[in-house]
Amino acid sequence: MFRKILVCTDLSPASDALIQCVDDFKILGMEEVVLAHVIYVANTPGLEEMLAEEARPGLERQRKFLTEQGLKVVVEMPFGKPAHTLNDTAEKHDVSAIIVGSHGKGILRSATLGSVSSRLLNLSQRPVFLARIALLTSGKCELICPKLFSRVLYPTDFSETAERAFGYLEKVVAETKCPVTILHTHDERTHGQPLSSHQEEWKKLH
């Protein structure tokens, strides 16, 4: 299902925490990881090669960790604007999905800041897993939910995009047997599609 996955890293403590969760995708058939770190210098061009040299030890450390989990790992260190370059890298390697950390800012706030994760969510035509990461008082980071597929919330507005997501959800449930909560928020000012029309389809999840 998700045989090859792109993992986005900026070599920060948050990315180290993100790497810890990659093993959870093995249950969905993951065999290969494309570990990508983008080098981008906005106002001081010419420093890319120096930054790449500085990044190599950290990338090697993360690559070694993933390899020890029994995964095939390809390392990419492209130059360019992070979100667009990560999306291009995902297309180049024809990955099944992308994993990126939120760095603990939350979707709405990071969207306001124009973060890499928010831009990537808007750009990518592939499934994007946004992992919530918390910054601890010690300065270290940890995943808010260390077991990604222990329970799934599926919000739906009955759109085409939601239906596509449901197709992925069916496959996730088939592999993980995780419980699912289905959520639809009804706007009383409109006459939305009734939930009852989807009940037979949703029974497939059990």
C-alpha atoms as a PDB file:
ATOM      1  CA  MET A   1       0.000   0.000   0.000  1.00  0.00           C
ATOM      2  CA  PHE A   2       2.668   2.499   1.087  1.00  0.00           C
ATOM      3  CA  ARG A   3       5.747   0.644  -0.135  1.00  0.00           C
ATOM      4  CA  LYS A   4       7.929   3.723  -0.628  1.00  0.00           C
ATOM      5  CA  ILE A   5       7.607   6.821   1.577  1.00  0.00           C
ATOM      6  CA  LEU A   6       9.287  10.229   1.458  1.00  0.00           C
ATOM      7  CA  VAL A   7      10.389  11.392   4.916  1.00  0.00           C
ATOM      8  CA  CYS A   8      11.084  15.126   5.198  1.00  0.00           C
ATOM      9  CA  THR A   9      13.850  16.143   7.588  1.00  0.00           C
ATOM     10  CA  ASP A  10      15.479  19.432   8.569  1.00  0.00           C
ATOM     11  CA  LEU A  11      17.840  17.592  10.982  1.00  0.00           C
ATOM     12  CA  SER A  12      16.300  19.366  13.997  1.00  0.00           C
ATOM     13  CA  PRO A  13      15.274  17.572  17.242  1.00  0.00           C
ATOM     14  CA  ALA A  14      11.731  17.623  15.819  1.00  0.00           C
ATOM     15  CA  SER A  15      12.931  15.663  12.785  1.00  0.00           C
ATOM     16  CA  ASP A  16      14.708  13.167  15.033  1.00  0.00           C
ATOM     17  CA  ALA A  17      11.363  12.602  16.766  1.00  0.00           C
ATOM     18  CA  LEU A  18       9.664  12.213  13.390  1.00  0.00           C
ATOM     19  CA  ILE A  19      12.146   9.533  12.320  1.00  0.00           C
ATOM     20  CA  GLN A  20      11.078   7.483  15.349  1.00  0.00           C
ATOM     21  CA  CYS A  21       7.541   7.091  13.963  1.00  0.00           C
ATOM     22  CA  VAL A  22       8.517   5.860  10.495  1.00  0.00           C
ATOM     23  CA  ASP A  23       8.643   2.252  11.701  1.00  0.00           C
ATOM     24  CA  ASP A  24       4.850   2.377  12.256  1.00  0.00           C
ATOM     25  CA  PHE A  25       4.365   2.370   8.477  1.00  0.00           C
ATOM     26  CA  LYS A  26       5.823  -1.125   8.115  1.00  0.00           C
ATOM     27  CA  ILE A  27       2.403  -2.551   8.911  1.00  0.00           C
ATOM     28  CA  LEU A  28       1.146  -0.794   5.760  1.00  0.00           C
ATOM     29  CA  GLY A  29       3.789  -2.454   3.599  1.00  0.00           C
ATOM     30  CA  MET A  30       6.583   0.115   3.732  1.00  0.00           C
ATOM     31  CA  GLU A  31       9.917  -1.241   2.509  1.00  0.00           C
ATOM     32  CA  GLU A  32      11.791   1.834   1.307  1.00  0.00           C
ATOM     33  CA  VAL A  33      12.333   5.378   2.606  1.00  0.00           C
ATOM     34  CA  VAL A  34      13.471   8.413   0.651  1.00  0.00           C
ATOM     35  CA  LEU A  35      15.071  10.614   3.315  1.00  0.00           C
ATOM     36  CA  ALA A  36      15.035  14.184   2.001  1.00  0.00           C
ATOM     37  CA  HIS A  37      16.710  17.301   3.378  1.00  0.00           C
ATOM     38  CA  VAL A  38      16.378  20.466   1.295  1.00  0.00           C
ATOM     39  CA  ILE A  39      19.154  23.057   1.189  1.00  0.00           C
ATOM     40  CA  TYR A  40      17.733  26.543   0.645  1.00  0.00           C
ATOM     41  CA  VAL A  41      19.518  29.867   1.025  1.00  0.00           C
ATOM     42  CA  ALA A  42      17.151  32.750   0.286  1.00  0.00           C
ATOM     43  CA  ASN A  43      19.313  35.834   0.717  1.00  0.00           C
ATOM     44  CA  THR A  44      22.887  34.547   0.612  1.00  0.00           C
ATOM     45  CA  PRO A  45      23.318  32.337  -2.471  1.00  0.00           C
ATOM     46  CA  GLY A  46      26.571  30.442  -2.820  1.00  0.00           C
ATOM     47  CA  LEU A  47      26.443  28.832   0.627  1.00  0.00           C
ATOM     48  CA  GLU A  48      24.574  25.724  -0.534  1.00  0.00           C
ATOM     49  CA  GLU A  49      27.624  23.447  -0.803  1.00  0.00           C
ATOM     50  CA  MET A  50      28.861  24.465   2.649  1.00  0.00           C
ATOM     51  CA  LEU A  51      25.447  23.788   4.182  1.00  0.00           C
ATOM     52  CA  ALA A  52      25.275  20.448   2.412  1.00  0.00           C
ATOM     53  CA  GLU A  53      28.607  19.402   3.946  1.00  0.00           C
ATOM     54  CA  GLU A  54      27.376  20.436   7.391  1.00  0.00           C
ATOM     55  CA  ALA A  55      24.162  18.431   6.920  1.00  0.00           C
ATOM     56  CA  ARG A  56      25.766  15.158   5.831  1.00  0.00           C
ATOM     57  CA  PRO A  57      26.652  13.796   9.327  1.00  0.00           C
ATOM     58  CA  GLY A  58      23.088  14.353  10.566  1.00  0.00           C
ATOM     59  CA  LEU A  59      21.593  12.752   7.480  1.00  0.00           C
ATOM     60  CA  GLU A  60      23.930   9.784   7.837  1.00  0.00           C
ATOM     61  CA  ARG A  61      22.851   9.360  11.472  1.00  0.00           C
ATOM     62  CA  GLN A  62      19.174   9.332  10.504  1.00  0.00           C
ATOM     63  CA  ARG A  63      19.849   7.057   7.521  1.00  0.00           C
ATOM     64  CA  LYS A  64      21.648   4.592   9.788  1.00  0.00           C
ATOM     65  CA  PHE A  65      18.732   4.543  12.236  1.00  0.00           C
ATOM     66  CA  LEU A  66      16.243   3.744   9.460  1.00  0.00           C
ATOM     67  CA  THR A  67      18.527   1.115   7.946  1.00  0.00           C
ATOM     68  CA  GLU A  68      18.745  -0.604  11.324  1.00  0.00           C
ATOM     69  CA  GLN A  69      14.941  -0.902  11.227  1.00  0.00           C
ATOM     70  CA  GLY A  70      15.337  -3.109   8.154  1.00  0.00           C
ATOM     71  CA  LEU A  71      14.447  -0.442   5.594  1.00  0.00           C
ATOM     72  CA  LYS A  72      16.062   0.415   2.292  1.00  0.00           C
ATOM     73  CA  VAL A  73      17.022   4.108   2.475  1.00  0.00           C
ATOM     74  CA  VAL A  74      17.753   6.572  -0.332  1.00  0.00           C
ATOM     75  CA  VAL A  75      19.149   9.953   0.764  1.00  0.00           C
ATOM     76  CA  GLU A  76      18.308  13.105  -1.174  1.00  0.00           C
ATOM     77  CA  MET A  77      19.759  16.573  -0.487  1.00  0.00           C
ATOM     78  CA  PRO A  78      18.388  18.825  -3.243  1.00  0.00           C
ATOM     79  CA  PHE A  79      18.695  22.617  -3.483  1.00  0.00           C
ATOM     80  CA  GLY A  80      15.602  24.816  -3.786  1.00  0.00           C
ATOM     81  CA  LYS A  81      12.522  26.161  -2.037  1.00  0.00           C
ATOM     82  CA  PRO A  82      11.626  23.503   0.565  1.00  0.00           C
ATOM     83  CA  ALA A  83       7.949  22.736  -0.116  1.00  0.00           C
ATOM     84  CA  HIS A  84       8.231  22.773  -3.913  1.00  0.00           C
ATOM     85  CA  THR A  85      11.495  20.838  -3.859  1.00  0.00           C
ATOM     86  CA  LEU A  86      10.084  18.181  -1.519  1.00  0.00           C
ATOM     87  CA  ASN A  87       7.048  17.817  -3.766  1.00  0.00           C
ATOM     88  CA  ASP A  88       9.319  17.469  -6.813  1.00  0.00           C
ATOM     89  CA  THR A  89      11.373  14.841  -4.966  1.00  0.00           C
ATOM     90  CA  ALA A  90       8.213  12.881  -4.147  1.00  0.00           C
ATOM     91  CA  GLU A  91       7.265  12.913  -7.822  1.00  0.00           C
ATOM     92  CA  LYS A  92      10.782  11.968  -8.938  1.00  0.00           C
ATOM     93  CA  HIS A  93      10.799   8.861  -6.748  1.00  0.00           C
ATOM     94  CA  ASP A  94       7.095   8.091  -7.290  1.00  0.00           C
ATOM     95  CA  VAL A  95       6.543   7.642  -3.548  1.00  0.00           C
ATOM     96  CA  SER A  96       3.302   6.302  -2.101  1.00  0.00           C
ATOM     97  CA  ALA A  97       3.094   8.970   0.615  1.00  0.00           C
ATOM     98  CA  ILE A  98       4.948  11.801   2.339  1.00  0.00           C
ATOM     99  CA  ILE A  99       5.664  12.150   6.068  1.00  0.00           C
ATOM    100  CA  VAL A 100       6.355  15.635   7.424  1.00  0.00           C
ATOM    101  CA  GLY A 101       6.403  17.041  10.962  1.00  0.00           C
ATOM    102  CA  SER A 102       4.309  19.963  12.150  1.00  0.00           C
ATOM    103  CA  HIS A 103       7.081  21.064  14.559  1.00  0.00           C
ATOM    104  CA  GLY A 104       4.432  21.536  17.238  1.00  0.00           C
ATOM    105  CA  LYS A 105       2.854  24.680  15.782  1.00  0.00           C
ATOM    106  CA  GLY A 106      -0.435  23.156  14.700  1.00  0.00           C
ATOM    107  CA  ILE A 107      -2.020  23.300  11.264  1.00  0.00           C
ATOM    108  CA  LEU A 108      -3.806  26.648  11.528  1.00  0.00           C
ATOM    109  CA  ARG A 109      -0.942  28.579  13.048  1.00  0.00           C
ATOM    110  CA  SER A 110       1.622  27.085  10.698  1.00  0.00           C
ATOM    111  CA  ALA A 111      -0.622  27.937   7.750  1.00  0.00           C
ATOM    112  CA  THR A 112      -0.530  31.549   8.855  1.00  0.00           C
ATOM    113  CA  LEU A 113       3.253  31.397   9.052  1.00  0.00           C
ATOM    114  CA  GLY A 114       3.472  29.769   5.616  1.00  0.00           C
ATOM    115  CA  SER A 115       5.400  26.778   6.942  1.00  0.00           C
ATOM    116  CA  VAL A 116       6.846  24.036   4.785  1.00  0.00           C
ATOM    117  CA  SER A 117       4.345  21.469   6.059  1.00  0.00           C
ATOM    118  CA  SER A 118       1.323  23.636   5.244  1.00  0.00           C
ATOM    119  CA  ARG A 119       2.603  24.473   1.766  1.00  0.00           C
ATOM    120  CA  LEU A 120       3.360  20.835   1.093  1.00  0.00           C
ATOM    121  CA  LEU A 121      -0.189  19.865   2.100  1.00  0.00           C
ATOM    122  CA  ASN A 122      -1.488  22.279  -0.530  1.00  0.00           C
ATOM    123  CA  LEU A 123       0.982  21.292  -3.240  1.00  0.00           C
ATOM    124  CA  SER A 124       1.110  17.527  -3.128  1.00  0.00           C
ATOM    125  CA  GLN A 125      -1.164  15.206  -5.085  1.00  0.00           C
ATOM    126  CA  ARG A 126       0.030  12.333  -2.887  1.00  0.00           C
ATOM    127  CA  PRO A 127      -1.113  11.405   0.644  1.00  0.00           C
ATOM    128  CA  VAL A 128       0.656  13.562   3.249  1.00  0.00           C
ATOM    129  CA  PHE A 129       0.926  12.408   6.862  1.00  0.00           C
ATOM    130  CA  LEU A 130       1.378  15.421   9.140  1.00  0.00           C
ATOM    131  CA  ALA A 131       2.914  14.218  12.418  1.00  0.00           C
ATOM    132  CA  ARG A 132       2.213  16.398  15.450  1.00  0.00           C
ATOM    133  CA  ILE A 133       5.441  17.068  17.379  1.00  0.00           C
ATOM    134  CA  ALA A 134       5.719  18.754  20.775  1.00  0.00           C
ATOM    135  CA  LEU A 135       8.676  20.762  22.051  1.00  0.00           C
ATOM    136  CA  LEU A 136       9.407  19.808  25.660  1.00  0.00           C
ATOM    137  CA  THR A 137      10.743  22.180  28.312  1.00  0.00           C
ATOM    138  CA  SER A 138      14.036  20.280  28.173  1.00  0.00           C
ATOM    139  CA  GLY A 139      14.450  21.387  24.572  1.00  0.00           C
ATOM    140  CA  LYS A 140      13.847  17.880  23.249  1.00  0.00           C
ATOM    141  CA  CYS A 141      10.918  16.926  21.032  1.00  0.00           C
ATOM    142  CA  GLU A 142       8.488  14.037  21.066  1.00  0.00           C
ATOM    143  CA  LEU A 143       5.546  12.854  19.001  1.00  0.00           C
ATOM    144  CA  ILE A 144       2.172  13.739  20.516  1.00  0.00           C
ATOM    145  CA  CYS A 145       0.798  10.421  19.312  1.00  0.00           C
ATOM    146  CA  PRO A 146       3.627   7.864  19.150  1.00  0.00           C
ATOM    147  CA  LYS A 147       1.371   5.115  17.719  1.00  0.00           C
ATOM    148  CA  LEU A 148       0.034   6.581  14.510  1.00  0.00           C
ATOM    149  CA  PHE A 149      -2.522   3.899  13.731  1.00  0.00           C
ATOM    150  CA  SER A 150      -3.890   3.046  17.176  1.00  0.00           C
ATOM    151  CA  ARG A 151      -7.104   5.018  16.459  1.00  0.00           C
ATOM    152  CA  VAL A 152      -8.197   7.056  13.430  1.00  0.00           C
ATOM    153  CA  LEU A 153     -10.536  10.045  13.164  1.00  0.00           C
ATOM    154  CA  TYR A 154     -12.071  10.381   9.694  1.00  0.00           C
ATOM    155  CA  PRO A 155     -13.741  13.789   9.150  1.00  0.00           C
ATOM    156  CA  THR A 156     -15.826  13.882   5.965  1.00  0.00           C
ATOM    157  CA  ASP A 157     -17.766  16.514   4.044  1.00  0.00           C
ATOM    158  CA  PHE A 158     -18.801  13.973   1.351  1.00  0.00           C
ATOM    159  CA  SER A 159     -16.602  15.741  -1.199  1.00  0.00           C
ATOM    160  CA  GLU A 160     -14.574  13.999  -3.887  1.00  0.00           C
ATOM    161  CA  THR A 161     -11.435  14.534  -1.808  1.00  0.00           C
ATOM    162  CA  ALA A 162     -13.072  12.965   1.249  1.00  0.00           C
ATOM    163  CA  GLU A 163     -14.118   9.967  -0.830  1.00  0.00           C
ATOM    164  CA  ARG A 164     -10.551   9.520  -2.050  1.00  0.00           C
ATOM    165  CA  ALA A 165      -9.341   9.667   1.554  1.00  0.00           C
ATOM    166  CA  PHE A 166     -11.912   7.017   2.452  1.00  0.00           C
ATOM    167  CA  GLY A 167     -10.320   4.676  -0.066  1.00  0.00           C
ATOM    168  CA  TYR A 168      -7.005   4.996   1.769  1.00  0.00           C
ATOM    169  CA  LEU A 169      -8.774   4.602   5.109  1.00  0.00           C
ATOM    170  CA  GLU A 170     -10.263   1.277   4.026  1.00  0.00           C
ATOM    171  CA  LYS A 171      -6.788  -0.037   3.243  1.00  0.00           C
ATOM    172  CA  VAL A 172      -5.344   1.272   6.529  1.00  0.00           C
ATOM    173  CA  VAL A 173      -8.109  -0.403   8.551  1.00  0.00           C
ATOM    174  CA  ALA A 174      -7.685  -3.663   6.637  1.00  0.00           C
ATOM    175  CA  GLU A 175      -3.996  -3.777   7.574  1.00  0.00           C
ATOM    176  CA  THR A 176      -4.019  -2.315  11.101  1.00  0.00           C
ATOM    177  CA  LYS A 177      -7.500  -3.313  12.396  1.00  0.00           C
ATOM    178  CA  CYS A 178      -7.588   0.057  14.156  1.00  0.00           C
ATOM    179  CA  PRO A 179     -10.885   1.560  15.386  1.00  0.00           C
ATOM    180  CA  VAL A 180     -12.265   4.495  13.401  1.00  0.00           C
ATOM    181  CA  THR A 181     -14.423   7.436  14.423  1.00  0.00           C
ATOM    182  CA  ILE A 182     -16.326   9.010  11.519  1.00  0.00           C
ATOM    183  CA  LEU A 183     -17.107  12.712  11.919  1.00  0.00           C
ATOM    184  CA  HIS A 184     -19.381  14.917   9.840  1.00  0.00           C
ATOM    185  CA  THR A 185     -20.244  18.421  11.013  1.00  0.00           C
ATOM    186  CA  HIS A 186     -23.629  19.430   9.661  1.00  0.00           C
ATOM    187  CA  ASP A 187     -24.323  23.051   8.782  1.00  0.00           C
ATOM    188  CA  GLU A 188     -27.971  23.702   9.651  1.00  0.00           C
ATOM    189  CA  ARG A 189     -28.131  26.513   7.080  1.00  0.00           C
ATOM    190  CA  THR A 190     -27.670  24.028   4.239  1.00  0.00           C
ATOM    191  CA  HIS A 191     -29.227  20.711   3.348  1.00  0.00           C
ATOM    192  CA  GLY A 192     -26.245  18.391   3.329  1.00  0.00           C
ATOM    193  CA  GLN A 193     -26.186  14.790   2.203  1.00  0.00           C
ATOM    194  CA  PRO A 194     -27.641  12.624   4.996  1.00  0.00           C
ATOM    195  CA  LEU A 195     -25.334  10.307   6.884  1.00  0.00           C
ATOM    196  CA  SER A 196     -27.685   7.369   6.375  1.00  0.00           C
ATOM    197  CA  SER A 197     -26.827   7.230   2.649  1.00  0.00           C
ATOM    198  CA  HIS A 198     -23.230   6.298   3.537  1.00  0.00           C
ATOM    199  CA  GLN A 199     -23.855   3.825   6.339  1.00  0.00           C
ATOM    200  CA  GLU A 200     -23.559   0.695   4.192  1.00  0.00           C
ATOM    201  CA  GLU A 201     -20.245   1.898   2.781  1.00  0.00           C
ATOM    202  CA  TRP A 202     -18.877   2.694   6.248  1.00  0.00           C
ATOM    203  CA  LYS A 203     -19.842  -0.754   7.569  1.00  0.00           C
ATOM    204  CA  LYS A 204     -16.964  -2.099   5.459  1.00  0.00           C
ATOM    205  CA  LEU A 205     -14.578  -0.620   8.023  1.00  0.00           C
ATOM    206  CA  HIS A 206     -15.687  -3.076  10.719  1.00  0.00           C
END
